[in-house]
Protein backbone atom coordinates (compact mmCIF):
# COMPACT_ATOMS: atom_id res chain seq x y z
CA MET A 1 37.83 22.88 33.87
CA ALA A 2 39.26 21.36 30.71
CA GLU A 3 42.53 22.69 29.35
CA PRO A 4 41.97 25.00 26.36
CA TYR A 5 42.72 23.27 23.07
CA LEU A 6 43.75 26.53 21.41
CA PRO A 7 45.08 28.93 24.06
CA THR A 8 46.68 31.41 21.63
CA LEU A 9 47.40 32.15 17.99
CA ILE A 10 50.76 33.69 18.86
CA THR A 11 53.72 31.55 17.81
CA ALA A 12 57.48 31.93 17.91
CA ASP A 13 58.03 31.71 14.17
CA PRO A 14 56.37 30.81 10.86
CA GLU A 15 57.12 27.09 11.21
CA ALA A 16 55.33 26.95 14.56
CA GLY A 17 52.54 28.99 12.96
CA PHE A 18 52.18 26.45 10.18
CA GLN A 19 52.00 23.61 12.70
CA LEU A 20 49.28 25.55 14.53
CA ALA A 21 47.38 25.99 11.25
CA ILE A 22 47.48 22.23 10.72
CA LYS A 23 46.23 21.66 14.27
CA MET A 24 43.39 24.13 13.70
CA SER A 25 42.43 22.35 10.49
CA ARG A 26 42.43 18.93 12.14
CA LEU A 27 40.35 20.25 15.04
CA GLY A 28 37.88 21.68 12.55
CA VAL A 29 37.36 18.24 11.06
CA LYS A 30 37.10 16.65 14.51
CA PHE A 31 34.46 19.14 15.67
CA THR A 32 32.54 18.87 12.40
CA GLN A 33 32.54 15.04 12.58
CA PRO A 34 33.05 14.03 16.22
CA SER A 35 32.81 10.29 15.52
CA ALA A 36 36.30 8.81 15.16
CA GLU A 37 34.69 5.71 13.65
CA ILE A 38 33.03 7.69 10.87
CA ARG A 39 36.20 9.72 10.22
CA ALA A 40 38.14 6.45 9.88
CA LYS A 41 35.48 5.06 7.54
CA LEU A 42 35.63 8.18 5.33
CA ARG A 43 39.42 8.41 5.16
CA PRO A 44 39.86 5.84 2.33
CA ILE A 45 37.41 7.85 0.23
CA TYR A 46 39.32 11.11 0.40
CA GLU A 47 42.93 10.02 0.93
CA GLU A 48 43.33 9.10 -2.73
CA SER A 49 41.33 12.01 -4.11
CA ALA A 50 43.46 14.79 -5.57
CA ASP A 51 40.57 17.25 -5.23
CA SER A 52 40.04 16.39 -1.56
CA LEU A 53 43.74 16.78 -0.82
CA ILE A 54 43.86 20.15 -2.58
CA TRP A 55 40.79 21.32 -0.65
CA SER A 56 42.33 20.26 2.65
CA SER A 57 45.51 22.14 1.71
CA GLN A 58 43.38 25.23 1.11
CA VAL A 59 41.90 24.95 4.60
CA VAL A 60 45.41 24.75 6.10
CA ALA A 61 46.50 27.74 4.00
CA THR A 62 43.54 29.79 5.18
CA ASN A 63 44.28 28.91 8.80
CA PHE A 64 47.96 29.75 8.28
CA GLN A 65 46.96 33.15 6.93
CA THR A 66 44.90 33.74 10.10
CA VAL A 67 47.83 32.76 12.33
CA ALA A 68 50.26 34.89 10.31
CA GLN A 69 48.03 37.94 10.66
CA ALA A 70 47.70 37.34 14.42
CA ASN A 71 51.50 37.35 14.60
CA ASN A 72 51.89 40.48 12.47
CA PHE A 73 53.60 38.27 9.91
CA TRP A 74 56.49 37.62 12.33
CA ARG A 75 58.00 41.07 11.99
């Protein structure tokens, strides 16, 4: 059986939670577009687009909110 790629949303602190949010966001892209070749081909299109970068930041922020809630906002 393959090792789980996301075994828990519980993290030690907000910094680890933010890193987890980034990982979740990257996995979302990878699952949406499984071809590494196509992802590499598309990167030049969005890496210089302010709108695309803002949108990707929004995805990370949404994932961070999910992780923070799972951790009871690191009481």
